[in-house]
C-alpha atoms as a PDB file:
ATOM      1  CA  MET A   1      14.866-112.446  -7.880  1.00  0.00           C
ATOM      2  CA  ILE A   2      16.812-115.297  -6.304  1.00  0.00           C
ATOM      3  CA  GLU A   3      14.953-114.912  -3.006  1.00  0.00           C
ATOM      4  CA  ARG A   4      11.603-114.670  -4.806  1.00  0.00           C
ATOM      5  CA  ILE A   5      11.931-118.091  -6.416  1.00  0.00           C
ATOM      6  CA  GLY A   6      12.663-119.682  -3.061  1.00  0.00           C
ATOM      7  CA  LEU A   7      16.478-119.857  -3.065  1.00  0.00           C
ATOM      8  CA  SER A   8      18.543-118.654  -0.149  1.00  0.00           C
ATOM      9  CA  MET A   9      21.780-116.807  -0.801  1.00  0.00           C
ATOM     10  CA  GLU A  10      23.608-119.769   0.747  1.00  0.00           C
ATOM     11  CA  LYS A  11      22.657-121.740  -2.364  1.00  0.00           C
ATOM     12  CA  VAL A  12      24.305-119.236  -4.645  1.00  0.00           C
ATOM     13  CA  LYS A  13      27.949-120.127  -5.087  1.00  0.00           C
ATOM     14  CA  GLU A  14      30.321-117.332  -5.909  1.00  0.00           C
ATOM     15  CA  ASN A  15      32.950-118.052  -8.562  1.00  0.00           C
ATOM     16  CA  GLY A  16      34.833-114.783  -8.406  1.00  0.00           C
ATOM     17  CA  THR A  17      32.508-112.284 -10.078  1.00  0.00           C
ATOM     18  CA  MET A  18      28.855-111.368  -9.921  1.00  0.00           C
ATOM     19  CA  ASN A  19      28.365-112.709 -13.453  1.00  0.00           C
ATOM     20  CA  ASN A  20      29.539-116.183 -12.524  1.00  0.00           C
ATOM     21  CA  TYR A  21      26.978-117.171  -9.915  1.00  0.00           C
ATOM     22  CA  GLU A  22      25.720-120.705 -10.165  1.00  0.00           C
ATOM     23  CA  VAL A  23      22.153-121.202  -9.048  1.00  0.00           C
ATOM     24  CA  GLU A  24      20.832-124.544  -7.845  1.00  0.00           C
ATOM     25  CA  THR A  25      17.547-124.934  -9.706  1.00  0.00           C
ATOM     26  CA  PRO A  26      14.703-126.273  -7.572  1.00  0.00           C
ATOM     27  CA  LYS A  27      12.915-129.256  -9.121  1.00  0.00           C
ATOM     28  CA  ASN A  28       9.438-128.091  -8.108  1.00  0.00           C
ATOM     29  CA  ILE A  29       9.381-124.786 -10.000  1.00  0.00           C
ATOM     30  CA  THR A  30       6.702-124.844 -12.692  1.00  0.00           C
ATOM     31  CA  ILE A  31       6.623-123.084 -16.059  1.00  0.00           C
ATOM     32  CA  LYS A  32       3.597-121.028 -15.062  1.00  0.00           C
ATOM     33  CA  GLY A  33       5.225-120.167 -11.746  1.00  0.00           C
ATOM     34  CA  ILE A  34       8.317-118.751 -13.456  1.00  0.00           C
ATOM     35  CA  LEU A  35       6.130-116.837 -15.940  1.00  0.00           C
ATOM     36  CA  SER A  36       4.098-115.394 -13.090  1.00  0.00           C
ATOM     37  CA  LEU A  37       7.241-114.228 -11.293  1.00  0.00           C
ATOM     38  CA  LEU A  38       8.551-112.571 -14.435  1.00  0.00           C
ATOM     39  CA  MET A  39       5.255-110.799 -15.049  1.00  0.00           C
ATOM     40  CA  GLN A  40       5.231-109.556 -11.447  1.00  0.00           C
ATOM     41  CA  SER A  41       8.694-108.066 -11.973  1.00  0.00           C
ATOM     42  CA  ILE A  42       7.531-105.745 -14.737  1.00  0.00           C
ATOM     43  CA  GLU A  43       7.495-102.106 -13.720  1.00  0.00           C
ATOM     44  CA  GLU A  44       3.927-100.814 -13.533  1.00  0.00           C
ATOM     45  CA  LYS A  45       5.041 -97.397 -14.755  1.00  0.00           C
ATOM     46  CA  ASP A  46       6.392 -98.899 -17.968  1.00  0.00           C
ATOM     47  CA  GLY A  47       3.659 -98.228 -20.501  1.00  0.00           C
ATOM     48  CA  ARG A  48       4.875-100.761 -23.037  1.00  0.00           C
ATOM     49  CA  SER A  49       2.696-103.832 -23.594  1.00  0.00           C
ATOM     50  CA  VAL A  50       4.102-107.288 -22.894  1.00  0.00           C
ATOM     51  CA  ILE A  51       3.517-110.249 -25.165  1.00  0.00           C
ATOM     52  CA  SER A  52       3.927-113.621 -23.476  1.00  0.00           C
ATOM     53  CA  LEU A  53       5.819-116.063 -25.686  1.00  0.00           C
ATOM     54  CA  GLY A  54       5.328-118.793 -23.075  1.00  0.00           C
ATOM     55  CA  MET A  55       1.557-118.977 -23.377  1.00  0.00           C
ATOM     56  CA  GLY A  56       0.374-122.123 -25.115  1.00  0.00           C
ATOM     57  CA  ASP A  57      -3.313-121.232 -24.949  1.00  0.00           C
ATOM     58  CA  PRO A  58      -4.526-119.647 -28.196  1.00  0.00           C
ATOM     59  CA  SER A  59      -8.068-119.432 -26.819  1.00  0.00           C
ATOM     60  CA  ALA A  60      -6.867-116.748 -24.394  1.00  0.00           C
ATOM     61  CA  TYR A  61      -6.964-114.262 -27.276  1.00  0.00           C
ATOM     62  CA  SER A  62     -10.268-113.056 -28.696  1.00  0.00           C
ATOM     63  CA  CYS A  63      -9.107-113.397 -32.315  1.00  0.00           C
ATOM     64  CA  PHE A  64      -8.853-117.205 -32.062  1.00  0.00           C
ATOM     65  CA  HIS A  65     -11.931-119.419 -31.944  1.00  0.00           C
ATOM     66  CA  THR A  66     -12.538-123.094 -32.492  1.00  0.00           C
ATOM     67  CA  THR A  67     -14.842-124.199 -35.271  1.00  0.00           C
ATOM     68  CA  PRO A  68     -18.609-124.216 -34.564  1.00  0.00           C
ATOM     69  CA  THR A  69     -18.593-127.805 -35.833  1.00  0.00           C
ATOM     70  CA  ALA A  70     -16.468-128.866 -32.851  1.00  0.00           C
ATOM     71  CA  GLN A  71     -18.678-127.004 -30.406  1.00  0.00           C
ATOM     72  CA  GLN A  72     -21.831-128.522 -31.891  1.00  0.00           C
ATOM     73  CA  ALA A  73     -20.355-132.008 -31.736  1.00  0.00           C
ATOM     74  CA  VAL A  74     -19.700-131.604 -28.010  1.00  0.00           C
ATOM     75  CA  ALA A  75     -23.172-130.184 -27.440  1.00  0.00           C
ATOM     76  CA  ASP A  76     -24.769-133.047 -29.363  1.00  0.00           C
ATOM     77  CA  ALA A  77     -22.792-135.606 -27.345  1.00  0.00           C
ATOM     78  CA  LEU A  78     -23.881-134.047 -24.051  1.00  0.00           C
ATOM     79  CA  LEU A  79     -27.537-133.781 -25.068  1.00  0.00           C
ATOM     80  CA  SER A  80     -27.607-137.348 -26.415  1.00  0.00           C
ATOM     81  CA  ASP A  81     -27.525-138.708 -22.859  1.00  0.00           C
ATOM     82  CA  LYS A  82     -25.256-141.508 -24.127  1.00  0.00           C
ATOM     83  CA  PHE A  83     -21.954-140.445 -22.568  1.00  0.00           C
ATOM     84  CA  ASN A  84     -22.714-139.833 -18.906  1.00  0.00           C
ATOM     85  CA  GLY A  85     -21.346-143.148 -17.667  1.00  0.00           C
ATOM     86  CA  TYR A  86     -17.841-144.463 -17.198  1.00  0.00           C
ATOM     87  CA  SER A  87     -15.810-144.849 -20.374  1.00  0.00           C
ATOM     88  CA  PRO A  88     -12.934-147.284 -20.968  1.00  0.00           C
ATOM     89  CA  THR A  89      -9.747-145.876 -19.467  1.00  0.00           C
ATOM     90  CA  VAL A  90      -7.944-146.138 -22.812  1.00  0.00           C
ATOM     91  CA  GLY A  91     -10.740-144.144 -24.485  1.00  0.00           C
ATOM     92  CA  LEU A  92     -14.071-144.720 -26.185  1.00  0.00           C
ATOM     93  CA  PRO A  93     -13.789-147.095 -29.165  1.00  0.00           C
ATOM     94  CA  GLN A  94     -15.297-144.536 -31.564  1.00  0.00           C
ATOM     95  CA  THR A  95     -12.867-141.864 -30.345  1.00  0.00           C
ATOM     96  CA  ARG A  96      -9.872-144.113 -30.834  1.00  0.00           C
ATOM     97  CA  LYS A  97     -11.061-145.091 -34.304  1.00  0.00           C
ATOM     98  CA  ALA A  98     -11.659-141.445 -35.294  1.00  0.00           C
ATOM     99  CA  ILE A  99      -8.113-140.495 -34.255  1.00  0.00           C
ATOM    100  CA  ALA A 100      -6.643-143.544 -36.010  1.00  0.00           C
ATOM    101  CA  ASP A 101      -8.499-142.611 -39.226  1.00  0.00           C
ATOM    102  CA  TYR A 102      -7.435-138.962 -38.918  1.00  0.00           C
ATOM    103  CA  LEU A 103      -3.741-139.736 -38.462  1.00  0.00           C
ATOM    104  CA  SER A 104      -3.780-142.436 -41.155  1.00  0.00           C
ATOM    105  CA  ARG A 105      -4.545-139.844 -43.824  1.00  0.00           C
ATOM    106  CA  ASP A 106      -0.916-138.687 -43.700  1.00  0.00           C
ATOM    107  CA  LEU A 107       0.708-142.113 -43.385  1.00  0.00           C
ATOM    108  CA  PRO A 108       1.673-144.792 -45.945  1.00  0.00           C
ATOM    109  CA  TYR A 109      -0.145-147.407 -43.836  1.00  0.00           C
ATOM    110  CA  LYS A 110      -3.368-147.510 -41.862  1.00  0.00           C
ATOM    111  CA  LEU A 111      -3.585-147.273 -38.085  1.00  0.00           C
ATOM    112  CA  SER A 112      -6.202-149.188 -36.125  1.00  0.00           C
ATOM    113  CA  SER A 113      -8.045-148.143 -32.994  1.00  0.00           C
ATOM    114  CA  ASP A 114      -5.802-150.565 -31.063  1.00  0.00           C
ATOM    115  CA  ASP A 115      -2.870-148.254 -31.831  1.00  0.00           C
ATOM    116  CA  VAL A 116      -4.525-145.293 -30.082  1.00  0.00           C
ATOM    117  CA  PHE A 117      -4.697-144.529 -26.349  1.00  0.00           C
ATOM    118  CA  ILE A 118      -6.669-141.487 -25.182  1.00  0.00           C
ATOM    119  CA  THR A 119      -5.027-139.250 -22.566  1.00  0.00           C
ATOM    120  CA  SER A 120      -5.854-136.171 -20.544  1.00  0.00           C
ATOM    121  CA  GLY A 121      -4.162-133.763 -22.930  1.00  0.00           C
ATOM    122  CA  CYS A 122      -0.706-134.202 -24.416  1.00  0.00           C
ATOM    123  CA  THR A 123       0.895-133.655 -20.999  1.00  0.00           C
ATOM    124  CA  GLN A 124      -0.452-136.993 -19.801  1.00  0.00           C
ATOM    125  CA  ALA A 125       0.694-138.617 -23.048  1.00  0.00           C
ATOM    126  CA  ILE A 126       4.223-137.399 -22.247  1.00  0.00           C
ATOM    127  CA  ASP A 127       3.975-138.763 -18.725  1.00  0.00           C
ATOM    128  CA  VAL A 128       2.680-142.153 -19.902  1.00  0.00           C
ATOM    129  CA  ALA A 129       5.478-142.463 -22.471  1.00  0.00           C
ATOM    130  CA  LEU A 130       8.244-141.667 -19.996  1.00  0.00           C
ATOM    131  CA  THR A 131       6.712-143.770 -17.204  1.00  0.00           C
ATOM    132  CA  MET A 132       6.489-146.779 -19.500  1.00  0.00           C
ATOM    133  CA  LEU A 133      10.145-146.452 -20.531  1.00  0.00           C
ATOM    134  CA  ALA A 134      11.607-145.727 -17.095  1.00  0.00           C
ATOM    135  CA  ARG A 135      13.807-148.358 -15.445  1.00  0.00           C
ATOM    136  CA  PRO A 136      16.872-148.215 -13.180  1.00  0.00           C
ATOM    137  CA  GLY A 137      19.836-146.657 -14.975  1.00  0.00           C
ATOM    138  CA  ALA A 138      17.872-145.642 -18.080  1.00  0.00           C
ATOM    139  CA  ASN A 139      18.423-142.357 -19.881  1.00  0.00           C
ATOM    140  CA  ILE A 140      16.462-140.377 -22.461  1.00  0.00           C
ATOM    141  CA  LEU A 141      17.678-137.923 -25.097  1.00  0.00           C
ATOM    142  CA  LEU A 142      15.924-134.536 -25.096  1.00  0.00           C
ATOM    143  CA  PRO A 143      16.408-131.588 -27.449  1.00  0.00           C
ATOM    144  CA  ARG A 144      17.869-128.318 -26.201  1.00  0.00           C
ATOM    145  CA  PRO A 145      15.889-126.064 -26.154  1.00  0.00           C
ATOM    146  CA  CYS A 146      12.898-128.250 -25.277  1.00  0.00           C
ATOM    147  CA  PHE A 147       9.364-128.076 -23.872  1.00  0.00           C
ATOM    148  CA  PRO A 148      10.197-128.186 -20.109  1.00  0.00           C
ATOM    149  CA  ILE A 149       7.525-130.736 -19.144  1.00  0.00           C
ATOM    150  CA  TYR A 150       9.729-133.518 -20.547  1.00  0.00           C
ATOM    151  CA  GLU A 151      12.535-132.835 -18.113  1.00  0.00           C
ATOM    152  CA  LEU A 152      10.086-132.519 -15.230  1.00  0.00           C
ATOM    153  CA  CYS A 153       8.429-135.864 -16.033  1.00  0.00           C
ATOM    154  CA  ALA A 154      11.820-137.519 -16.493  1.00  0.00           C
ATOM    155  CA  ALA A 155      12.914-136.314 -13.048  1.00  0.00           C
ATOM    156  CA  PHE A 156       9.753-137.746 -11.466  1.00  0.00           C
ATOM    157  CA  ARG A 157      10.329-141.108 -13.161  1.00  0.00           C
ATOM    158  CA  GLY A 158      14.029-141.347 -12.340  1.00  0.00           C
ATOM    159  CA  LEU A 159      15.136-141.085 -15.971  1.00  0.00           C
ATOM    160  CA  GLU A 160      18.521-139.509 -16.605  1.00  0.00           C
ATOM    161  CA  VAL A 161      18.226-136.680 -19.132  1.00  0.00           C
ATOM    162  CA  ARG A 162      20.876-136.181 -21.798  1.00  0.00           C
ATOM    163  CA  HIS A 163      20.512-133.106 -23.977  1.00  0.00           C
ATOM    164  CA  PHE A 164      21.367-132.818 -27.645  1.00  0.00           C
ATOM    165  CA  ASP A 165      21.493-129.390 -29.256  1.00  0.00           C
ATOM    166  CA  LEU A 166      19.225-128.082 -31.965  1.00  0.00           C
ATOM    167  CA  LEU A 167      21.275-126.212 -34.554  1.00  0.00           C
ATOM    168  CA  PRO A 168      20.006-122.657 -35.220  1.00  0.00           C
ATOM    169  CA  GLU A 169      22.228-122.245 -38.278  1.00  0.00           C
ATOM    170  CA  LYS A 170      20.442-125.256 -39.822  1.00  0.00           C
ATOM    171  CA  GLY A 171      16.888-124.232 -38.998  1.00  0.00           C
ATOM    172  CA  TRP A 172      17.009-125.845 -35.526  1.00  0.00           C
ATOM    173  CA  GLU A 173      17.698-129.305 -36.934  1.00  0.00           C
ATOM    174  CA  VAL A 174      18.745-132.124 -34.600  1.00  0.00           C
ATOM    175  CA  ASP A 175      22.485-132.517 -34.072  1.00  0.00           C
ATOM    176  CA  LEU A 176      22.649-136.143 -35.217  1.00  0.00           C
ATOM    177  CA  ASP A 177      26.371-136.453 -34.446  1.00  0.00           C
ATOM    178  CA  ALA A 178      25.632-135.511 -30.839  1.00  0.00           C
ATOM    179  CA  ILE A 179      22.885-138.152 -30.700  1.00  0.00           C
ATOM    180  CA  GLU A 180      25.385-140.876 -31.590  1.00  0.00           C
ATOM    181  CA  VAL A 181      27.828-139.658 -28.954  1.00  0.00           C
ATOM    182  CA  LEU A 182      25.208-139.377 -26.183  1.00  0.00           C
ATOM    183  CA  ALA A 183      23.376-142.664 -26.733  1.00  0.00           C
ATOM    184  CA  ASP A 184      24.495-145.855 -25.020  1.00  0.00           C
ATOM    185  CA  GLN A 185      23.041-149.246 -24.080  1.00  0.00           C
ATOM    186  CA  ASN A 186      20.834-147.595 -21.425  1.00  0.00           C
ATOM    187  CA  THR A 187      19.229-145.053 -23.761  1.00  0.00           C
ATOM    188  CA  VAL A 188      15.518-145.816 -24.107  1.00  0.00           C
ATOM    189  CA  ALA A 189      14.304-143.100 -26.492  1.00  0.00           C
ATOM    190  CA  LEU A 190      14.954-139.958 -28.465  1.00  0.00           C
ATOM    191  CA  VAL A 191      12.412-137.117 -28.281  1.00  0.00           C
ATOM    192  CA  ILE A 192      11.675-134.785 -31.172  1.00  0.00           C
ATOM    193  CA  ILE A 193       9.106-131.976 -31.217  1.00  0.00           C
ATOM    194  CA  ASN A 194       7.843-131.174 -34.692  1.00  0.00           C
ATOM    195  CA  PRO A 195       6.672-128.517 -35.402  1.00  0.00           C
ATOM    196  CA  GLY A 196       9.137-127.251 -32.838  1.00  0.00           C
ATOM    197  CA  ASN A 197       8.325-125.857 -29.433  1.00  0.00           C
ATOM    198  CA  PRO A 198       9.740-123.364 -28.569  1.00  0.00           C
ATOM    199  CA  CYS A 199      11.680-122.700 -31.802  1.00  0.00           C
ATOM    200  CA  GLY A 200       8.797-122.897 -34.302  1.00  0.00           C
ATOM    201  CA  ASN A 201      10.823-124.898 -36.828  1.00  0.00           C
ATOM    202  CA  VAL A 202       9.328-127.539 -39.140  1.00  0.00           C
ATOM    203  CA  TYR A 203      11.581-130.453 -40.105  1.00  0.00           C
ATOM    204  CA  SER A 204      11.959-131.546 -43.711  1.00  0.00           C
ATOM    205  CA  TYR A 205      11.118-135.049 -44.923  1.00  0.00           C
ATOM    206  CA  GLN A 206      14.825-135.762 -45.448  1.00  0.00           C
ATOM    207  CA  HIS A 207      15.837-134.664 -41.947  1.00  0.00           C
ATOM    208  CA  LEU A 208      13.092-136.746 -40.316  1.00  0.00           C
ATOM    209  CA  LYS A 209      14.260-139.751 -42.313  1.00  0.00           C
ATOM    210  CA  GLU A 210      17.820-139.171 -41.092  1.00  0.00           C
ATOM    211  CA  ILE A 211      16.548-139.016 -37.501  1.00  0.00           C
ATOM    212  CA  ALA A 212      14.725-142.329 -37.995  1.00  0.00           C
ATOM    213  CA  GLU A 213      17.794-143.964 -39.515  1.00  0.00           C
ATOM    214  CA  THR A 214      19.975-142.735 -36.658  1.00  0.00           C
ATOM    215  CA  ALA A 215      17.528-144.076 -34.067  1.00  0.00           C
ATOM    216  CA  GLU A 216      17.371-147.436 -35.857  1.00  0.00           C
ATOM    217  CA  LYS A 217      21.156-147.619 -35.935  1.00  0.00           C
ATOM    218  CA  LEU A 218      21.256-146.985 -32.174  1.00  0.00           C
ATOM    219  CA  LYS A 219      18.292-149.349 -31.534  1.00  0.00           C
ATOM    220  CA  ILE A 220      16.214-146.754 -29.696  1.00  0.00           C
ATOM    221  CA  LEU A 221      12.649-145.695 -30.392  1.00  0.00           C
ATOM    222  CA  VAL A 222      11.495-142.166 -31.220  1.00  0.00           C
ATOM    223  CA  ILE A 223       8.925-140.165 -29.258  1.00  0.00           C
ATOM    224  CA  ALA A 224       7.400-137.706 -31.714  1.00  0.00           C
ATOM    225  CA  ASP A 225       5.582-134.791 -30.064  1.00  0.00           C
ATOM    226  CA  GLU A 226       3.278-133.485 -32.799  1.00  0.00           C
ATOM    227  CA  VAL A 227       0.887-131.387 -30.719  1.00  0.00           C
ATOM    228  CA  TYR A 228       1.448-128.528 -33.190  1.00  0.00           C
ATOM    229  CA  GLY A 229       0.960-130.829 -36.185  1.00  0.00           C
ATOM    230  CA  HIS A 230      -0.088-129.048 -39.389  1.00  0.00           C
ATOM    231  CA  LEU A 231       0.503-125.595 -37.832  1.00  0.00           C
ATOM    232  CA  ALA A 232       3.384-125.124 -40.239  1.00  0.00           C
ATOM    233  CA  PHE A 233       4.634-121.805 -41.590  1.00  0.00           C
ATOM    234  CA  GLY A 234       7.395-121.393 -44.143  1.00  0.00           C
ATOM    235  CA  ASN A 235       8.663-123.654 -46.895  1.00  0.00           C
ATOM    236  CA  ASN A 236       8.566-127.023 -45.133  1.00  0.00           C
ATOM    237  CA  PRO A 237       5.199-128.806 -45.016  1.00  0.00           C
ATOM    238  CA  PHE A 238       4.436-130.804 -41.879  1.00  0.00           C
ATOM    239  CA  VAL A 239       5.441-134.469 -42.221  1.00  0.00           C
ATOM    240  CA  PRO A 240       4.422-136.825 -39.382  1.00  0.00           C
ATOM    241  CA  MET A 241       7.261-138.891 -37.961  1.00  0.00           C
ATOM    242  CA  GLY A 242       5.039-141.955 -38.288  1.00  0.00           C
ATOM    243  CA  VAL A 243       5.824-141.936 -42.022  1.00  0.00           C
ATOM    244  CA  PHE A 244       9.110-143.567 -41.004  1.00  0.00           C
ATOM    245  CA  GLY A 245       7.551-146.120 -38.658  1.00  0.00           C
ATOM    246  CA  SER A 246       8.789-148.947 -40.878  1.00  0.00           C
ATOM    247  CA  ILE A 247      12.372-147.834 -40.127  1.00  0.00           C
ATOM    248  CA  VAL A 248      12.043-147.422 -36.360  1.00  0.00           C
ATOM    249  CA  PRO A 249       9.112-147.691 -33.900  1.00  0.00           C
ATOM    250  CA  ILE A 250       7.499-144.314 -33.228  1.00  0.00           C
ATOM    251  CA  LEU A 251       5.389-143.175 -30.279  1.00  0.00           C
ATOM    252  CA  THR A 252       3.327-140.252 -31.589  1.00  0.00           C
ATOM    253  CA  LEU A 253       1.910-137.787 -29.074  1.00  0.00           C
ATOM    254  CA  GLY A 254      -0.761-135.220 -29.925  1.00  0.00           C
ATOM    255  CA  SER A 255      -3.932-133.467 -28.857  1.00  0.00           C
ATOM    256  CA  LEU A 256      -6.846-131.293 -29.932  1.00  0.00           C
ATOM    257  CA  SER A 257      -5.428-128.335 -28.002  1.00  0.00           C
ATOM    258  CA  LYS A 258      -3.555-126.274 -30.583  1.00  0.00           C
ATOM    259  CA  ARG A 259      -4.995-127.025 -34.024  1.00  0.00           C
ATOM    260  CA  TRP A 260      -8.574-126.848 -32.791  1.00  0.00           C
ATOM    261  CA  ILE A 261      -7.898-124.074 -30.213  1.00  0.00           C
ATOM    262  CA  VAL A 262      -9.426-126.012 -27.294  1.00  0.00           C
ATOM    263  CA  PRO A 263      -6.632-126.695 -24.744  1.00  0.00           C
ATOM    264  CA  GLY A 264      -9.165-126.698 -21.915  1.00  0.00           C
ATOM    265  CA  TRP A 265     -10.913-129.754 -23.327  1.00  0.00           C
ATOM    266  CA  ARG A 266      -7.886-131.865 -22.259  1.00  0.00           C
ATOM    267  CA  LEU A 267      -8.124-134.467 -24.990  1.00  0.00           C
ATOM    268  CA  GLY A 268      -4.840-135.934 -26.145  1.00  0.00           C
ATOM    269  CA  TRP A 269      -3.504-139.187 -27.541  1.00  0.00           C
ATOM    270  CA  PHE A 270      -0.616-141.591 -27.387  1.00  0.00           C
ATOM    271  CA  VAL A 271      -0.284-143.556 -30.643  1.00  0.00           C
ATOM    272  CA  THR A 272       1.963-146.448 -31.603  1.00  0.00           C
ATOM    273  CA  THR A 273       2.883-145.680 -35.210  1.00  0.00           C
ATOM    274  CA  ASP A 274       4.641-148.962 -35.764  1.00  0.00           C
ATOM    275  CA  PRO A 275       3.694-150.988 -38.876  1.00  0.00           C
ATOM    276  CA  SER A 276       6.281-153.637 -38.011  1.00  0.00           C
ATOM    277  CA  GLY A 277       4.156-154.528 -34.992  1.00  0.00           C
ATOM    278  CA  MET A 278       6.682-154.344 -32.147  1.00  0.00           C
ATOM    279  CA  PHE A 279       4.164-152.624 -29.869  1.00  0.00           C
ATOM    280  CA  ARG A 280       1.500-155.214 -30.647  1.00  0.00           C
ATOM    281  CA  LYS A 281       3.317-157.949 -28.802  1.00  0.00           C
ATOM    282  CA  PRO A 282       1.029-159.033 -25.922  1.00  0.00           C
ATOM    283  CA  LYS A 283       3.399-158.029 -23.124  1.00  0.00           C
ATOM    284  CA  VAL A 284       4.064-154.582 -24.623  1.00  0.00           C
ATOM    285  CA  TYR A 285       0.388-153.902 -25.275  1.00  0.00           C
ATOM    286  CA  SER A 286      -0.525-154.956 -21.725  1.00  0.00           C
ATOM    287  CA  LEU A 287       2.114-152.576 -20.390  1.00  0.00           C
ATOM    288  CA  LEU A 288       0.725-149.697 -22.434  1.00  0.00           C
ATOM    289  CA  PHE A 289      -2.807-150.473 -21.278  1.00  0.00           C
ATOM    290  CA  ALA A 290      -1.778-150.691 -17.630  1.00  0.00           C
ATOM    291  CA  PHE A 291       0.085-147.386 -17.646  1.00  0.00           C
ATOM    292  CA  CYS A 292      -2.796-145.600 -19.369  1.00  0.00           C
ATOM    293  CA  VAL A 293      -5.170-146.891 -16.678  1.00  0.00           C
ATOM    294  CA  ILE A 294      -2.896-145.917 -13.786  1.00  0.00           C
ATOM    295  CA  ARG A 295      -1.962-142.507 -15.122  1.00  0.00           C
ATOM    296  CA  THR A 296      -5.545-141.650 -16.166  1.00  0.00           C
ATOM    297  CA  TRP A 297      -6.766-142.037 -12.606  1.00  0.00           C
ATOM    298  CA  HIS A 298      -3.865-139.934 -11.364  1.00  0.00           C
ATOM    299  CA  PHE A 299      -4.718-137.137 -13.787  1.00  0.00           C
ATOM    300  CA  VAL A 300      -8.459-137.309 -13.102  1.00  0.00           C
ATOM    301  CA  GLY A 301      -7.754-136.833  -9.428  1.00  0.00           C
ATOM    302  CA  SER A 302      -5.326-133.975 -10.007  1.00  0.00           C
ATOM    303  CA  GLN A 303      -7.934-132.026 -11.996  1.00  0.00           C
ATOM    304  CA  PHE A 304     -10.169-131.819  -8.924  1.00  0.00           C
ATOM    305  CA  LEU A 305      -7.613-131.303  -6.150  1.00  0.00           C
END
């Protein structure tokens, strides 16, 4: 298996026993690449079926379909002949307004279209957020376990990653004591994923408030990945982190992919849920706009190469 993922035996350091090998992890291994290697390792003679828990594409299964309303809306837009030209790189005004109105339904304040930046799926929203925050010596706090794209993007942007544990005995809540120990003057943000990926947990209102208060105490902003928003099972209803935007600035990331079962449509968003207006300062807004423009062209190119 070591040879198959591109590591020579020279890069495996022996610490006395076979169980204590340390493997240098290559930075260019992708999630899908690892999954593919694991699937290839399954014995063909084994008649048992395999369920992939790493697949984030509900449309791959015949029992899941998006709503006909969504399909008709896309068809109507294409047939209208109104959307064949270039659109603004931060998104069409009506799209940004629709997302602002949609997210505002669950918030104690109203978002405007200026708070919303359209991205090529949530993956680009992650990349924009981390690119904007990156600077020499900066670090970012990521949950463990975490959606691996965050660590990959951080490595590309030169951000040091510091992991805080999620506590299984407390429903995978954030270890807030660890956050306070890990954060320093170079910490730029704390990432939370709610509902959780890969743990499937849904944070309570009280725990989200405690996260916001901790971030405010440490003077760092919160990146709230809510791509699975409203896909909540169990006793805790989904509460958007933006509810606590008056305590600490929140960057909310989301997309159509999961709730509407259309990951291939690649429509995501990066939203400043910040009623205090920190992100509306001219220099900050210009920075957001510039990064969305630069990263959009990068992603557009990558889709065709």
